[in-house]
Amino acid sequence: MTVRRPAKLVAAGVTALAAALLLTACNDAAGTDGQPAPAATTAAGAASGRPTGTGAGTAGSGRATAPGTTPTGTAPTGTAPTGPAATQAAGTRCKAGELSATVQVQGAGSAMVMLTNKGGRSCTLFGYPGFGGLRADSSADPLAVKREPHPGPPTPITLKPNTTAFAGLRWNSCDKADPTCHVITGLRLTPPDETEQLTAELLGLDGKPVAQLPVSAQGLTAGSLQPSNQGVVFAGP
């Protein structure tokens, strides 16, 4: 004989069974003290004793940084400039008023230029002196002037008081009767990176003043300033 149970009774039993199963699942996911169970440790973390992750750490930074980023507080690395500066700092340059200039004629078409610090402070020179001619009436005689790195490129020079820098000077002589010949009785000199000129003393090897220099239309060739007079004089034209 078949026993029919009321539908409400069957439904109640199913609900009770489901509740029991849910309670069992919750107990399995929790620890014995009711806290969540610890996550599994990877093999790499267990072997090293360090936490594992994808963030890259920086030694001494105390924090992890994402790949491709610069840790906070780390200064970027710069490149130090090399080679002498092309120009001098305005505060250290030798001014025209601090210098005396002597052009000592070595022979036909060649001279040694000497710039001496007559001031009370050290100053710097770097480059080539500029030149202009003077006529007998003290008027300016513009001369063509070109530069040549002789005996080598310019050298940064620190001129202490009463010390001297040197450069070579070269020109082609000419017939004074030639209308293109520049017959000069003096030279005006401009220190590197300056605009003010000073008058150079024009002397011979004997220390006596030279009255005239006949300079051809090609003008002057100036060598680079050097700390020594070694090799600065040009060979004859």
Protein backbone atom coordinates (compact mmCIF):
# COMPACT_ATOMS: atom_id res chain seq x y z
CA MET A 1 0.00 0.00 0.00
CA THR A 2 1.40 3.36 -1.02
CA VAL A 3 1.68 5.99 1.67
CA ARG A 4 1.24 9.52 0.41
CA ARG A 5 2.91 12.23 2.43
CA PRO A 6 1.54 15.69 2.39
CA ALA A 7 3.33 18.06 -0.06
CA LYS A 8 4.04 20.60 2.66
CA LEU A 9 5.90 17.99 4.69
CA VAL A 10 8.16 17.04 1.74
CA ALA A 11 9.01 20.68 1.04
CA ALA A 12 9.94 21.27 4.64
CA GLY A 13 12.28 18.31 4.60
CA VAL A 14 14.06 19.52 1.44
CA THR A 15 14.56 22.98 2.94
CA ALA A 16 16.06 21.54 6.13
CA LEU A 17 18.46 19.36 4.11
CA ALA A 18 19.66 22.35 2.05
CA ALA A 19 20.26 24.40 5.18
CA ALA A 20 22.36 21.62 6.70
CA LEU A 21 24.52 21.33 3.59
CA LEU A 22 25.12 25.15 3.49
CA LEU A 23 26.19 25.18 7.14
CA THR A 24 28.67 22.37 6.50
CA ALA A 25 30.25 24.26 3.57
CA CYS A 26 30.68 27.42 5.67
CA ASN A 27 32.39 25.49 8.46
CA ASP A 28 34.84 23.93 5.99
CA ALA A 29 35.91 27.39 4.63
CA ALA A 30 36.61 28.81 8.12
CA GLY A 31 39.38 27.94 10.57
CA THR A 32 38.79 26.46 13.90
CA ASP A 33 38.67 29.94 15.50
CA GLY A 34 36.21 31.30 12.99
CA GLN A 35 38.84 33.27 10.96
CA PRO A 36 39.36 32.78 7.22
CA ALA A 37 41.84 30.07 6.35
CA PRO A 38 45.28 31.35 5.15
CA ALA A 39 45.89 31.44 1.41
CA ALA A 40 48.29 28.94 -0.04
CA THR A 41 51.94 30.05 -0.23
CA THR A 42 53.70 29.74 -3.57
CA ALA A 43 56.77 27.57 -3.84
CA ALA A 44 59.01 30.59 -4.55
CA GLY A 45 57.75 32.46 -1.49
CA ALA A 46 58.22 29.48 0.76
CA ALA A 47 61.78 28.87 -0.45
CA SER A 48 63.00 32.46 -0.17
CA GLY A 49 61.18 33.51 2.96
CA ARG A 50 60.15 36.73 1.12
CA PRO A 51 56.72 37.75 -0.08
CA THR A 52 56.32 37.24 -3.79
CA GLY A 53 54.73 39.59 -6.24
CA THR A 54 55.20 41.37 -9.53
CA GLY A 55 56.38 44.75 -8.15
CA ALA A 56 60.14 45.36 -8.43
CA GLY A 57 61.79 46.61 -5.25
CA THR A 58 64.60 49.24 -5.12
CA ALA A 59 67.45 48.67 -2.70
CA GLY A 60 67.27 51.15 0.13
CA SER A 61 63.96 52.59 -1.02
CA GLY A 62 61.82 50.85 1.57
CA ARG A 63 59.03 50.47 -0.98
CA ALA A 64 58.21 48.57 -4.09
CA THR A 65 58.03 50.41 -7.38
CA ALA A 66 56.16 49.50 -10.49
CA PRO A 67 58.38 48.39 -13.40
CA GLY A 68 59.47 51.30 -15.58
CA THR A 69 59.10 53.97 -12.87
CA THR A 70 61.76 55.91 -10.95
CA PRO A 71 61.67 55.51 -7.17
CA THR A 72 60.73 58.70 -5.31
CA GLY A 73 63.80 60.54 -3.98
CA THR A 74 66.24 59.05 -6.53
CA ALA A 75 67.98 61.82 -8.52
CA PRO A 76 68.39 61.25 -12.27
CA THR A 77 71.96 60.71 -13.42
CA GLY A 78 73.47 63.60 -15.44
CA THR A 79 76.43 63.85 -17.80
CA ALA A 80 79.23 66.24 -16.86
CA PRO A 81 80.26 68.61 -19.67
CA THR A 82 83.74 68.04 -21.09
CA GLY A 83 86.21 70.35 -22.84
CA PRO A 84 86.84 74.01 -22.35
CA ALA A 85 83.96 76.44 -22.64
CA ALA A 86 83.74 78.34 -25.90
CA THR A 87 83.30 81.60 -24.05
CA GLN A 88 84.40 82.89 -20.68
CA ALA A 89 82.27 83.98 -17.76
CA ALA A 90 81.91 87.76 -17.96
CA GLY A 91 83.03 88.21 -14.34
CA THR A 92 86.39 86.50 -14.88
CA ARG A 93 87.39 87.80 -18.33
CA CYS A 94 90.40 90.06 -18.65
CA LYS A 95 89.23 93.58 -19.52
CA ALA A 96 91.18 95.93 -21.77
CA GLY A 97 91.89 98.23 -18.83
CA GLU A 98 93.53 95.38 -16.90
CA LEU A 99 96.00 94.55 -19.66
CA SER A 100 99.04 96.01 -21.36
CA ALA A 101 99.91 94.92 -24.90
CA THR A 102 103.27 94.66 -26.61
CA VAL A 103 103.85 93.60 -30.23
CA GLN A 104 107.48 92.60 -30.66
CA VAL A 105 108.54 92.46 -34.31
CA GLN A 106 110.62 89.33 -34.90
CA GLY A 107 111.58 90.04 -38.49
CA ALA A 108 109.97 90.86 -41.83
CA GLY A 109 106.28 89.99 -41.57
CA SER A 110 106.30 88.30 -38.14
CA ALA A 111 105.76 89.39 -34.54
CA MET A 112 105.00 88.08 -31.05
CA VAL A 113 101.99 89.51 -29.23
CA MET A 114 102.21 89.74 -25.44
CA LEU A 115 99.25 90.51 -23.18
CA THR A 116 100.24 91.17 -19.56
CA ASN A 117 97.91 91.42 -16.57
CA LYS A 118 98.70 94.77 -14.96
CA GLY A 119 95.69 94.62 -12.63
CA GLY A 120 95.32 93.40 -9.08
CA ARG A 121 93.20 90.29 -9.72
CA SER A 122 93.51 87.08 -11.70
CA CYS A 123 91.51 87.05 -14.94
CA THR A 124 90.99 84.70 -17.87
CA LEU A 125 91.71 84.73 -21.60
CA PHE A 126 90.50 82.27 -24.22
CA GLY A 127 90.60 82.70 -27.97
CA TYR A 128 92.22 85.19 -30.32
CA PRO A 129 93.08 88.87 -29.96
CA GLY A 130 91.52 91.30 -32.42
CA PHE A 131 93.56 93.96 -34.26
CA GLY A 132 93.20 97.31 -35.96
CA GLY A 133 95.83 99.55 -37.50
CA LEU A 134 96.77 103.15 -36.61
CA ARG A 135 98.07 105.70 -39.11
CA ALA A 136 100.64 108.41 -38.36
CA ASP A 137 97.85 110.86 -37.55
CA SER A 138 96.39 108.32 -35.01
CA SER A 139 93.36 107.68 -37.24
CA ALA A 140 92.13 104.11 -37.58
CA ASP A 141 93.35 102.06 -40.53
CA PRO A 142 91.01 99.05 -40.92
CA LEU A 143 92.93 95.89 -41.68
CA ALA A 144 91.71 92.51 -42.83
CA VAL A 145 92.40 90.05 -40.01
CA LYS A 146 92.05 86.27 -40.14
CA ARG A 147 92.60 83.69 -37.42
CA GLU A 148 94.72 80.58 -37.50
CA PRO A 149 94.96 77.97 -34.70
CA HIS A 150 98.73 78.34 -34.46
CA PRO A 151 100.59 76.73 -32.73
CA GLY A 152 97.36 74.91 -31.79
CA PRO A 153 93.77 75.57 -30.69
CA PRO A 154 93.19 78.30 -28.10
CA THR A 155 93.99 77.31 -24.53
CA PRO A 156 92.06 78.61 -21.48
CA ILE A 157 94.49 80.86 -19.64
CA THR A 158 94.30 82.23 -16.11
CA LEU A 159 96.45 85.34 -15.93
CA LYS A 160 97.63 86.18 -12.45
CA PRO A 161 98.83 89.74 -11.87
CA ASN A 162 102.07 90.45 -13.76
CA THR A 163 101.89 87.31 -15.88
CA THR A 164 101.67 87.22 -19.69
CA ALA A 165 99.83 85.39 -22.48
CA PHE A 166 101.28 85.09 -25.98
CA ALA A 167 100.15 84.86 -29.61
CA GLY A 168 101.78 85.04 -33.02
CA LEU A 169 101.08 87.66 -35.69
CA ARG A 170 101.93 87.44 -39.39
CA TRP A 171 101.58 89.70 -42.44
CA ASN A 172 103.06 90.31 -45.87
CA SER A 173 105.13 93.43 -46.33
CA CYS A 174 104.50 95.78 -49.24
CA ASP A 175 105.94 98.75 -51.11
CA LYS A 176 104.97 101.93 -49.29
CA ALA A 177 104.37 103.57 -52.68
CA ASP A 178 101.68 101.00 -53.51
CA PRO A 179 98.26 102.62 -52.92
CA THR A 180 96.95 99.30 -51.51
CA CYS A 181 99.75 99.14 -48.91
CA HIS A 182 98.77 99.92 -45.32
CA VAL A 183 101.59 101.85 -43.67
CA ILE A 184 100.75 101.64 -39.99
CA THR A 185 102.53 103.23 -37.08
CA GLY A 186 100.69 101.37 -34.34
CA LEU A 187 98.19 98.63 -33.53
CA ARG A 188 94.97 98.61 -31.51
CA LEU A 189 94.25 95.30 -29.83
CA THR A 190 90.96 93.87 -28.52
CA PRO A 191 91.03 91.08 -25.87
CA PRO A 192 88.86 88.00 -26.58
CA ASP A 193 85.11 88.48 -25.97
CA GLU A 194 85.61 92.20 -25.32
CA THR A 195 84.83 95.30 -27.37
CA GLU A 196 87.10 97.86 -25.72
CA GLN A 197 90.53 98.24 -27.33
CA LEU A 198 93.96 99.08 -26.00
CA THR A 199 96.96 100.47 -27.86
CA ALA A 200 99.84 98.06 -28.24
CA GLU A 201 103.45 99.09 -27.87
CA LEU A 202 105.26 98.30 -31.13
CA LEU A 203 108.87 97.23 -30.45
CA GLY A 204 111.76 95.56 -32.21
CA LEU A 205 113.90 92.73 -30.91
CA ASP A 206 116.29 95.36 -29.56
CA GLY A 207 113.52 96.82 -27.40
CA LYS A 208 113.37 100.05 -29.42
CA PRO A 209 110.11 101.40 -30.89
CA VAL A 210 109.29 100.47 -34.47
CA ALA A 211 108.18 103.53 -36.41
CA GLN A 212 106.29 101.90 -39.28
CA LEU A 213 104.96 98.57 -40.49
CA PRO A 214 104.05 98.21 -44.18
CA VAL A 215 101.19 95.65 -44.34
CA SER A 216 99.83 94.36 -47.65
CA ALA A 217 96.15 94.36 -48.59
CA GLN A 218 95.87 90.74 -47.37
CA GLY A 219 96.13 92.12 -43.83
CA LEU A 220 97.10 90.24 -40.67
CA THR A 221 96.95 86.61 -39.55
CA ALA A 222 96.52 86.17 -35.78
CA GLY A 223 97.47 83.02 -33.90
CA SER A 224 95.72 81.66 -30.82
CA LEU A 225 96.50 82.87 -27.31
CA GLN A 226 98.77 80.53 -25.36
CA PRO A 227 100.17 80.50 -21.79
CA SER A 228 103.73 80.13 -23.11
CA ASN A 229 105.66 81.79 -25.93
CA GLN A 230 106.91 78.41 -27.09
CA GLY A 231 106.19 78.03 -30.80
CA VAL A 232 103.79 80.98 -31.12
CA VAL A 233 105.90 82.96 -33.62
CA PHE A 234 104.97 82.24 -37.23
CA ALA A 235 107.65 81.30 -39.68
CA GLY A 236 108.46 83.96 -42.27
CA PRO A 237 105.98 84.52 -45.12
